[in-house]
PDB file of all heavy atoms in Angstrom:
ATOM      1  N   ALA A   1      14.233 -18.431  -3.180  1.00  0.00           N
ATOM      2  CA  ALA A   1      13.246 -17.585  -2.478  1.00  0.00           C
ATOM      3  C   ALA A   1      12.519 -18.406  -1.446  1.00  0.00           C
ATOM      4  O   ALA A   1      12.263 -17.903  -0.266  1.00  0.00           O
ATOM      5  CB  ALA A   1      12.257 -17.117  -3.518  1.00  0.00           C
ATOM      6  N   LYS A   2      12.202 -19.617  -1.664  1.00  0.00           N
ATOM      7  CA  LYS A   2      11.515 -20.526  -0.734  1.00  0.00           C
ATOM      8  C   LYS A   2      12.450 -20.767   0.450  1.00  0.00           C
ATOM      9  O   LYS A   2      11.956 -20.632   1.638  1.00  0.00           O
ATOM     10  CB  LYS A   2      11.103 -21.817  -1.362  1.00  0.00           C
ATOM     11  CG  LYS A   2      10.232 -22.663  -0.522  1.00  0.00           C
ATOM     12  CD  LYS A   2       9.927 -23.994  -1.166  1.00  0.00           C
ATOM     13  CE  LYS A   2       9.303 -23.782  -2.589  1.00  0.00           C
ATOM     14  NZ  LYS A   2       8.857 -25.044  -3.239  1.00  0.00           N
ATOM     15  N   ARG A   3      13.707 -21.024   0.173  1.00  0.00           N
ATOM     16  CA  ARG A   3      14.659 -21.284   1.252  1.00  0.00           C
ATOM     17  C   ARG A   3      14.814 -20.041   2.063  1.00  0.00           C
ATOM     18  O   ARG A   3      14.959 -20.130   3.347  1.00  0.00           O
ATOM     19  CB  ARG A   3      16.022 -21.771   0.619  1.00  0.00           C
ATOM     20  CG  ARG A   3      17.001 -22.226   1.653  1.00  0.00           C
ATOM     21  CD  ARG A   3      18.281 -22.779   0.987  1.00  0.00           C
ATOM     22  NE  ARG A   3      18.945 -21.829   0.143  1.00  0.00           N
ATOM     23  CZ  ARG A   3      19.143 -21.915  -1.147  1.00  0.00           C
ATOM     24  NH1 ARG A   3      18.641 -22.947  -1.825  1.00  0.00           N
ATOM     25  NH2 ARG A   3      19.747 -20.974  -1.804  1.00  0.00           N
ATOM     26  N   ASN A   4      14.887 -18.888   1.493  1.00  0.00           N
ATOM     27  CA  ASN A   4      14.963 -17.666   2.299  1.00  0.00           C
ATOM     28  C   ASN A   4      13.839 -17.440   3.238  1.00  0.00           C
ATOM     29  O   ASN A   4      13.994 -16.971   4.404  1.00  0.00           O
ATOM     30  CB  ASN A   4      15.120 -16.399   1.343  1.00  0.00           C
ATOM     31  CG  ASN A   4      16.435 -16.430   0.532  1.00  0.00           C
ATOM     32  OD1 ASN A   4      17.316 -17.088   0.872  1.00  0.00           O
ATOM     33  ND2 ASN A   4      16.444 -15.627  -0.494  1.00  0.00           N
ATOM     34  N   LEU A   5      12.665 -17.669   2.770  1.00  0.00           N
ATOM     35  CA  LEU A   5      11.465 -17.531   3.642  1.00  0.00           C
ATOM     36  C   LEU A   5      11.509 -18.587   4.798  1.00  0.00           C
ATOM     37  O   LEU A   5      11.108 -18.309   5.918  1.00  0.00           O
ATOM     38  CB  LEU A   5      10.187 -17.649   2.866  1.00  0.00           C
ATOM     39  CG  LEU A   5       9.817 -16.417   2.002  1.00  0.00           C
ATOM     40  CD1 LEU A   5       8.521 -16.647   1.244  1.00  0.00           C
ATOM     41  CD2 LEU A   5       9.696 -15.234   2.939  1.00  0.00           C
ATOM     42  N   ASN A   6      11.974 -19.771   4.391  1.00  0.00           N
ATOM     43  CA  ASN A   6      12.069 -20.768   5.549  1.00  0.00           C
ATOM     44  C   ASN A   6      13.140 -20.354   6.569  1.00  0.00           C
ATOM     45  O   ASN A   6      12.928 -20.542   7.755  1.00  0.00           O
ATOM     46  CB  ASN A   6      12.455 -22.131   4.966  1.00  0.00           C
ATOM     47  CG  ASN A   6      11.310 -22.841   4.225  1.00  0.00           C
ATOM     48  OD1 ASN A   6      10.197 -22.544   4.527  1.00  0.00           O
ATOM     49  ND2 ASN A   6      11.689 -23.720   3.271  1.00  0.00           N
ATOM     50  N   MET A   7      14.251 -19.771   6.070  1.00  0.00           N
ATOM     51  CA  MET A   7      15.187 -19.314   7.042  1.00  0.00           C
ATOM     52  C   MET A   7      14.716 -18.134   7.868  1.00  0.00           C
ATOM     53  O   MET A   7      14.933 -18.072   9.078  1.00  0.00           O
ATOM     54  CB  MET A   7      16.483 -18.771   6.240  1.00  0.00           C
ATOM     55  CG  MET A   7      17.683 -18.680   7.024  1.00  0.00           C
ATOM     56  SD  MET A   7      19.197 -18.225   6.061  1.00  0.00           S
ATOM     57  CE  MET A   7      18.874 -18.848   4.422  1.00  0.00           C
ATOM     58  N   LEU A   8      13.945 -17.202   7.217  1.00  0.00           N
ATOM     59  CA  LEU A   8      13.295 -16.187   7.991  1.00  0.00           C
ATOM     60  C   LEU A   8      12.318 -16.736   9.053  1.00  0.00           C
ATOM     61  O   LEU A   8      12.359 -16.250  10.199  1.00  0.00           O
ATOM     62  CB  LEU A   8      12.550 -15.276   7.043  1.00  0.00           C
ATOM     63  CG  LEU A   8      11.778 -14.078   7.632  1.00  0.00           C
ATOM     64  CD1 LEU A   8      12.649 -13.126   8.257  1.00  0.00           C
ATOM     65  CD2 LEU A   8      10.881 -13.428   6.552  1.00  0.00           C
ATOM     66  N   ASN A   9      11.636 -17.705   8.646  1.00  0.00           N
ATOM     67  CA  ASN A   9      10.686 -18.380   9.597  1.00  0.00           C
ATOM     68  C   ASN A   9      11.453 -18.993  10.873  1.00  0.00           C
ATOM     69  O   ASN A   9      11.013 -18.798  11.970  1.00  0.00           O
ATOM     70  CB  ASN A   9       9.894 -19.473   8.850  1.00  0.00           C
ATOM     71  CG  ASN A   9       8.785 -19.940   9.748  1.00  0.00           C
ATOM     72  OD1 ASN A   9       8.413 -19.449  10.755  1.00  0.00           O
ATOM     73  ND2 ASN A   9       8.276 -21.162   9.352  1.00  0.00           N
ATOM     74  N   HIS A  10      12.625 -19.577  10.529  1.00  0.00           N
ATOM     75  CA  HIS A  10      13.353 -20.147  11.593  1.00  0.00           C
ATOM     76  C   HIS A  10      14.002 -19.132  12.443  1.00  0.00           C
ATOM     77  O   HIS A  10      14.087 -19.245  13.696  1.00  0.00           O
ATOM     78  CB  HIS A  10      14.471 -21.123  11.097  1.00  0.00           C
ATOM     79  CG  HIS A  10      13.869 -22.406  10.543  1.00  0.00           C
ATOM     80  ND1 HIS A  10      12.623 -22.902  10.826  1.00  0.00           N
ATOM     81  CD2 HIS A  10      14.365 -23.289   9.648  1.00  0.00           C
ATOM     82  CE1 HIS A  10      12.495 -24.063  10.182  1.00  0.00           C
ATOM     83  NE2 HIS A  10      13.451 -24.265   9.412  1.00  0.00           N
ATOM     84  N   LEU A  11      14.483 -18.049  11.897  1.00  0.00           N
ATOM     85  CA  LEU A  11      15.145 -16.975  12.625  1.00  0.00           C
ATOM     86  C   LEU A  11      14.133 -16.247  13.532  1.00  0.00           C
ATOM     87  O   LEU A  11      14.401 -16.037  14.697  1.00  0.00           O
ATOM     88  CB  LEU A  11      15.674 -15.919  11.623  1.00  0.00           C
ATOM     89  CG  LEU A  11      16.345 -14.619  12.236  1.00  0.00           C
ATOM     90  CD1 LEU A  11      17.534 -14.995  13.002  1.00  0.00           C
ATOM     91  CD2 LEU A  11      16.593 -13.615  11.105  1.00  0.00           C
ATOM     92  N   CYS A  12      12.967 -15.986  13.108  1.00  0.00           N
ATOM     93  CA  CYS A  12      11.955 -15.263  13.837  1.00  0.00           C
ATOM     94  C   CYS A  12      11.171 -16.188  14.817  1.00  0.00           C
ATOM     95  O   CYS A  12      10.785 -15.759  15.900  1.00  0.00           O
ATOM     96  CB  CYS A  12      10.951 -14.514  12.973  1.00  0.00           C
ATOM     97  SG  CYS A  12      11.747 -13.321  11.952  1.00  0.00           S
ATOM     98  N   GLY A  13      10.926 -17.416  14.373  1.00  0.00           N
ATOM     99  CA  GLY A  13      10.149 -18.352  15.157  1.00  0.00           C
ATOM    100  C   GLY A  13       8.615 -17.977  14.922  1.00  0.00           C
ATOM    101  O   GLY A  13       8.177 -16.928  14.507  1.00  0.00           O
ATOM    102  N   GLU A  14       7.772 -19.045  15.019  1.00  0.00           N
ATOM    103  CA  GLU A  14       6.367 -19.064  14.715  1.00  0.00           C
ATOM    104  C   GLU A  14       5.667 -17.884  15.476  1.00  0.00           C
ATOM    105  O   GLU A  14       4.811 -17.162  14.963  1.00  0.00           O
ATOM    106  CB  GLU A  14       5.734 -20.355  14.999  1.00  0.00           C
ATOM    107  CG  GLU A  14       4.483 -20.721  14.296  1.00  0.00           C
ATOM    108  CD  GLU A  14       4.557 -20.719  12.837  1.00  0.00           C
ATOM    109  OE1 GLU A  14       5.535 -21.295  12.272  1.00  0.00           O
ATOM    110  OE2 GLU A  14       3.660 -20.245  12.105  1.00  0.00           O
ATOM    111  N   ALA A  15       5.966 -17.747  16.800  1.00  0.00           N
ATOM    112  CA  ALA A  15       5.416 -16.807  17.697  1.00  0.00           C
ATOM    113  C   ALA A  15       5.622 -15.366  17.249  1.00  0.00           C
ATOM    114  O   ALA A  15       4.844 -14.439  17.523  1.00  0.00           O
ATOM    115  CB  ALA A  15       5.816 -16.985  19.105  1.00  0.00           C
ATOM    116  N   SER A  16       6.749 -15.085  16.562  1.00  0.00           N
ATOM    117  CA  SER A  16       7.118 -13.716  16.199  1.00  0.00           C
ATOM    118  C   SER A  16       6.766 -13.371  14.765  1.00  0.00           C
ATOM    119  O   SER A  16       7.068 -12.272  14.360  1.00  0.00           O
ATOM    120  CB  SER A  16       8.677 -13.484  16.460  1.00  0.00           C
ATOM    121  OG  SER A  16       8.876 -13.679  17.814  1.00  0.00           O
ATOM    122  N   LEU A  17       6.188 -14.273  13.977  1.00  0.00           N
ATOM    123  CA  LEU A  17       5.943 -13.958  12.613  1.00  0.00           C
ATOM    124  C   LEU A  17       4.969 -12.780  12.346  1.00  0.00           C
ATOM    125  O   LEU A  17       4.930 -12.132  11.401  1.00  0.00           O
ATOM    126  CB  LEU A  17       5.420 -15.240  11.899  1.00  0.00           C
ATOM    127  CG  LEU A  17       6.483 -16.303  11.500  1.00  0.00           C
ATOM    128  CD1 LEU A  17       5.790 -17.437  10.852  1.00  0.00           C
ATOM    129  CD2 LEU A  17       7.575 -15.646  10.667  1.00  0.00           C
ATOM    130  N   GLU A  18       4.199 -12.513  13.416  1.00  0.00           N
ATOM    131  CA  GLU A  18       3.318 -11.321  13.328  1.00  0.00           C
ATOM    132  C   GLU A  18       4.124  -9.972  13.333  1.00  0.00           C
ATOM    133  O   GLU A  18       3.540  -8.937  12.917  1.00  0.00           O
ATOM    134  CB  GLU A  18       2.347 -11.299  14.543  1.00  0.00           C
ATOM    135  CG  GLU A  18       2.944 -11.104  15.873  1.00  0.00           C
ATOM    136  CD  GLU A  18       2.020 -11.269  16.997  1.00  0.00           C
ATOM    137  OE1 GLU A  18       1.006 -11.927  16.865  1.00  0.00           O
ATOM    138  OE2 GLU A  18       2.331 -10.618  18.039  1.00  0.00           O
ATOM    139  N   LYS A  19       5.367 -10.041  13.595  1.00  0.00           N
ATOM    140  CA  LYS A  19       6.154  -8.898  13.570  1.00  0.00           C
ATOM    141  C   LYS A  19       6.986  -8.761  12.301  1.00  0.00           C
ATOM    142  O   LYS A  19       7.825  -7.918  12.099  1.00  0.00           O
ATOM    143  CB  LYS A  19       7.181  -8.877  14.717  1.00  0.00           C
ATOM    144  CG  LYS A  19       6.477  -8.639  16.122  1.00  0.00           C
ATOM    145  CD  LYS A  19       7.473  -8.670  17.194  1.00  0.00           C
ATOM    146  CE  LYS A  19       6.752  -8.440  18.533  1.00  0.00           C
ATOM    147  NZ  LYS A  19       7.667  -8.271  19.607  1.00  0.00           N
ATOM    148  N   VAL A  20       6.688  -9.633  11.333  1.00  0.00           N
ATOM    149  CA  VAL A  20       7.372  -9.639  10.081  1.00  0.00           C
ATOM    150  C   VAL A  20       6.456  -9.007   8.974  1.00  0.00           C
ATOM    151  O   VAL A  20       5.289  -9.361   8.932  1.00  0.00           O
ATOM    152  CB  VAL A  20       7.728 -11.095   9.669  1.00  0.00           C
ATOM    153  CG1 VAL A  20       8.305 -11.050   8.175  1.00  0.00           C
ATOM    154  CG2 VAL A  20       8.705 -11.706  10.566  1.00  0.00           C
ATOM    155  N   VAL A  21       6.955  -8.081   8.224  1.00  0.00           N
ATOM    156  CA  VAL A  21       6.213  -7.431   7.130  1.00  0.00           C
ATOM    157  C   VAL A  21       6.990  -7.897   5.859  1.00  0.00           C
ATOM    158  O   VAL A  21       8.166  -7.664   5.714  1.00  0.00           O
ATOM    159  CB  VAL A  21       6.280  -5.883   7.241  1.00  0.00           C
ATOM    160  CG1 VAL A  21       5.607  -5.254   6.037  1.00  0.00           C
ATOM    161  CG2 VAL A  21       5.658  -5.456   8.570  1.00  0.00           C
ATOM    162  N   LEU A  22       6.231  -8.468   4.924  1.00  0.00           N
ATOM    163  CA  LEU A  22       6.673  -8.935   3.663  1.00  0.00           C
ATOM    164  C   LEU A  22       6.319  -7.838   2.646  1.00  0.00           C
ATOM    165  O   LEU A  22       5.199  -7.413   2.490  1.00  0.00           O
ATOM    166  CB  LEU A  22       6.082 -10.260   3.260  1.00  0.00           C
ATOM    167  CG  LEU A  22       6.335 -11.430   4.232  1.00  0.00           C
ATOM    168  CD1 LEU A  22       5.521 -12.573   3.875  1.00  0.00           C
ATOM    169  CD2 LEU A  22       7.829 -11.741   4.165  1.00  0.00           C
ATOM    170  N   VAL A  23       7.385  -7.364   1.858  1.00  0.00           N
ATOM    171  CA  VAL A  23       7.192  -6.193   0.976  1.00  0.00           C
ATOM    172  C   VAL A  23       7.719  -6.564  -0.400  1.00  0.00           C
ATOM    173  O   VAL A  23       8.848  -7.149  -0.509  1.00  0.00           O
ATOM    174  CB  VAL A  23       7.949  -4.990   1.476  1.00  0.00           C
ATOM    175  CG1 VAL A  23       7.822  -3.790   0.554  1.00  0.00           C
ATOM    176  CG2 VAL A  23       7.508  -4.551   2.860  1.00  0.00           C
ATOM    177  N   SER A  24       6.890  -6.340  -1.380  1.00  0.00           N
ATOM    178  CA  SER A  24       7.375  -6.527  -2.792  1.00  0.00           C
ATOM    179  C   SER A  24       7.949  -5.290  -3.309  1.00  0.00           C
ATOM    180  O   SER A  24       7.419  -4.149  -3.090  1.00  0.00           O
ATOM    181  CB  SER A  24       6.279  -7.146  -3.631  1.00  0.00           C
ATOM    182  OG  SER A  24       5.130  -6.231  -3.669  1.00  0.00           O
ATOM    183  N   THR A  25       9.043  -5.398  -4.077  1.00  0.00           N
ATOM    184  CA  THR A  25       9.772  -4.219  -4.595  1.00  0.00           C
ATOM    185  C   THR A  25       9.868  -4.357  -6.075  1.00  0.00           C
ATOM    186  O   THR A  25       9.549  -5.309  -6.724  1.00  0.00           O
ATOM    187  CB  THR A  25      11.136  -4.119  -4.054  1.00  0.00           C
ATOM    188  OG1 THR A  25      11.916  -5.333  -4.404  1.00  0.00           O
ATOM    189  CG2 THR A  25      11.169  -3.934  -2.456  1.00  0.00           C
ATOM    190  N   LYS A  26      10.340  -3.216  -6.710  1.00  0.00           N
ATOM    191  CA  LYS A  26      10.635  -3.216  -8.145  1.00  0.00           C
ATOM    192  C   LYS A  26       9.460  -3.192  -9.040  1.00  0.00           C
ATOM    193  O   LYS A  26       9.496  -3.606 -10.165  1.00  0.00           O
ATOM    194  CB  LYS A  26      11.656  -4.199  -8.550  1.00  0.00           C
ATOM    195  CG  LYS A  26      12.951  -4.065  -7.645  1.00  0.00           C
ATOM    196  CD  LYS A  26      14.175  -4.591  -8.305  1.00  0.00           C
ATOM    197  CE  LYS A  26      15.382  -4.383  -7.376  1.00  0.00           C
ATOM    198  NZ  LYS A  26      16.494  -5.053  -7.796  1.00  0.00           N
ATOM    199  N   TRP A  27       8.363  -2.667  -8.527  1.00  0.00           N
ATOM    200  CA  TRP A  27       7.168  -2.498  -9.344  1.00  0.00           C
ATOM    201  C   TRP A  27       7.323  -1.471 -10.478  1.00  0.00           C
ATOM    202  O   TRP A  27       6.738  -1.603 -11.509  1.00  0.00           O
ATOM    203  CB  TRP A  27       6.042  -1.879  -8.446  1.00  0.00           C
ATOM    204  CG  TRP A  27       5.415  -2.961  -7.600  1.00  0.00           C
ATOM    205  CD1 TRP A  27       6.000  -3.716  -6.576  1.00  0.00           C
ATOM    206  CD2 TRP A  27       4.070  -3.374  -7.610  1.00  0.00           C
ATOM    207  NE1 TRP A  27       5.052  -4.478  -6.017  1.00  0.00           N
ATOM    208  CE2 TRP A  27       3.858  -4.340  -6.626  1.00  0.00           C
ATOM    209  CE3 TRP A  27       2.903  -3.026  -8.347  1.00  0.00           C
ATOM    210  CZ2 TRP A  27       2.646  -4.983  -6.346  1.00  0.00           C
ATOM    211  CZ3 TRP A  27       1.742  -3.676  -8.100  1.00  0.00           C
ATOM    212  CH2 TRP A  27       1.636  -4.622  -7.146  1.00  0.00           C
ATOM    213  N   GLU A  28       8.314  -0.582 -10.362  1.00  0.00           N
ATOM    214  CA  GLU A  28       8.578   0.423 -11.375  1.00  0.00           C
ATOM    215  C   GLU A  28       9.081  -0.230 -12.675  1.00  0.00           C
ATOM    216  O   GLU A  28       9.097   0.430 -13.681  1.00  0.00           O
ATOM    217  CB  GLU A  28       9.587   1.526 -10.857  1.00  0.00           C
ATOM    218  CG  GLU A  28      11.042   1.081 -10.800  1.00  0.00           C
ATOM    219  CD  GLU A  28      11.331   0.290  -9.499  1.00  0.00           C
ATOM    220  OE1 GLU A  28      10.422   0.062  -8.671  1.00  0.00           O
ATOM    221  OE2 GLU A  28      12.485  -0.109  -9.281  1.00  0.00           O
ATOM    222  N   ARG A  29       9.462  -1.446 -12.652  1.00  0.00           N
ATOM    223  CA  ARG A  29       9.954  -2.103 -13.900  1.00  0.00           C
ATOM    224  C   ARG A  29       8.842  -2.554 -14.807  1.00  0.00           C
ATOM    225  O   ARG A  29       9.072  -2.959 -15.892  1.00  0.00           O
ATOM    226  CB  ARG A  29      10.749  -3.336 -13.478  1.00  0.00           C
ATOM    227  CG  ARG A  29      12.052  -3.020 -12.760  1.00  0.00           C
ATOM    228  CD  ARG A  29      12.914  -4.209 -12.544  1.00  0.00           C
ATOM    229  NE  ARG A  29      14.123  -3.772 -11.960  1.00  0.00           N
ATOM    230  CZ  ARG A  29      15.167  -4.588 -11.654  1.00  0.00           C
ATOM    231  NH1 ARG A  29      15.007  -5.970 -11.944  1.00  0.00           N
ATOM    232  NH2 ARG A  29      16.273  -4.149 -11.171  1.00  0.00           N
ATOM    233  N   PHE A  30       7.564  -2.318 -14.409  1.00  0.00           N
ATOM    234  CA  PHE A  30       6.423  -2.654 -15.159  1.00  0.00           C
ATOM    235  C   PHE A  30       5.634  -1.446 -15.676  1.00  0.00           C
ATOM    236  O   PHE A  30       5.538  -0.468 -14.883  1.00  0.00           O
ATOM    237  CB  PHE A  30       5.539  -3.500 -14.355  1.00  0.00           C
ATOM    238  CG  PHE A  30       6.092  -4.838 -13.928  1.00  0.00           C
ATOM    239  CD1 PHE A  30       6.795  -4.961 -12.765  1.00  0.00           C
ATOM    240  CD2 PHE A  30       5.935  -5.983 -14.729  1.00  0.00           C
ATOM    241  CE1 PHE A  30       7.345  -6.208 -12.358  1.00  0.00           C
ATOM    242  CE2 PHE A  30       6.483  -7.197 -14.331  1.00  0.00           C
ATOM    243  CZ  PHE A  30       7.193  -7.283 -13.168  1.00  0.00           C
ATOM    244  N   TYR A  31       5.217  -1.530 -16.905  1.00  0.00           N
ATOM    245  CA  TYR A  31       4.404  -0.348 -17.506  1.00  0.00           C
ATOM    246  C   TYR A  31       2.951  -0.595 -16.948  1.00  0.00           C
ATOM    247  O   TYR A  31       2.178   0.275 -16.735  1.00  0.00           O
ATOM    248  CB  TYR A  31       4.420  -0.356 -19.005  1.00  0.00           C
ATOM    249  CG  TYR A  31       5.804   0.012 -19.467  1.00  0.00           C
ATOM    250  CD1 TYR A  31       6.596  -0.912 -20.110  1.00  0.00           C
ATOM    251  CD2 TYR A  31       6.335   1.330 -19.330  1.00  0.00           C
ATOM    252  CE1 TYR A  31       7.883  -0.584 -20.585  1.00  0.00           C
ATOM    253  CE2 TYR A  31       7.546   1.653 -19.752  1.00  0.00           C
ATOM    254  CZ  TYR A  31       8.373   0.713 -20.438  1.00  0.00           C
ATOM    255  OH  TYR A  31       9.527   1.065 -20.923  1.00  0.00           O
ATOM    256  N   ASP A  32       2.539  -1.904 -16.931  1.00  0.00           N
ATOM    257  CA  ASP A  32       1.212  -2.272 -16.448  1.00  0.00           C
ATOM    258  C   ASP A  32       1.244  -2.996 -15.154  1.00  0.00           C
ATOM    259  O   ASP A  32       1.962  -4.011 -15.095  1.00  0.00           O
ATOM    260  CB  ASP A  32       0.666  -3.238 -17.626  1.00  0.00           C
ATOM    261  CG  ASP A  32      -0.751  -3.636 -17.292  1.00  0.00           C
ATOM    262  OD1 ASP A  32      -1.334  -3.301 -16.248  1.00  0.00           O
ATOM    263  OD2 ASP A  32      -1.266  -4.427 -18.075  1.00  0.00           O
TER     264      ASP A  32
END
């Protein structure tokens, strides 16, 4: 997961990170 975010950072570049939206998924797997 850390490597994936680093790759995303390199792909987009520091200047374009404001155009990246990080979304968490699979909340439905939790009752609480």
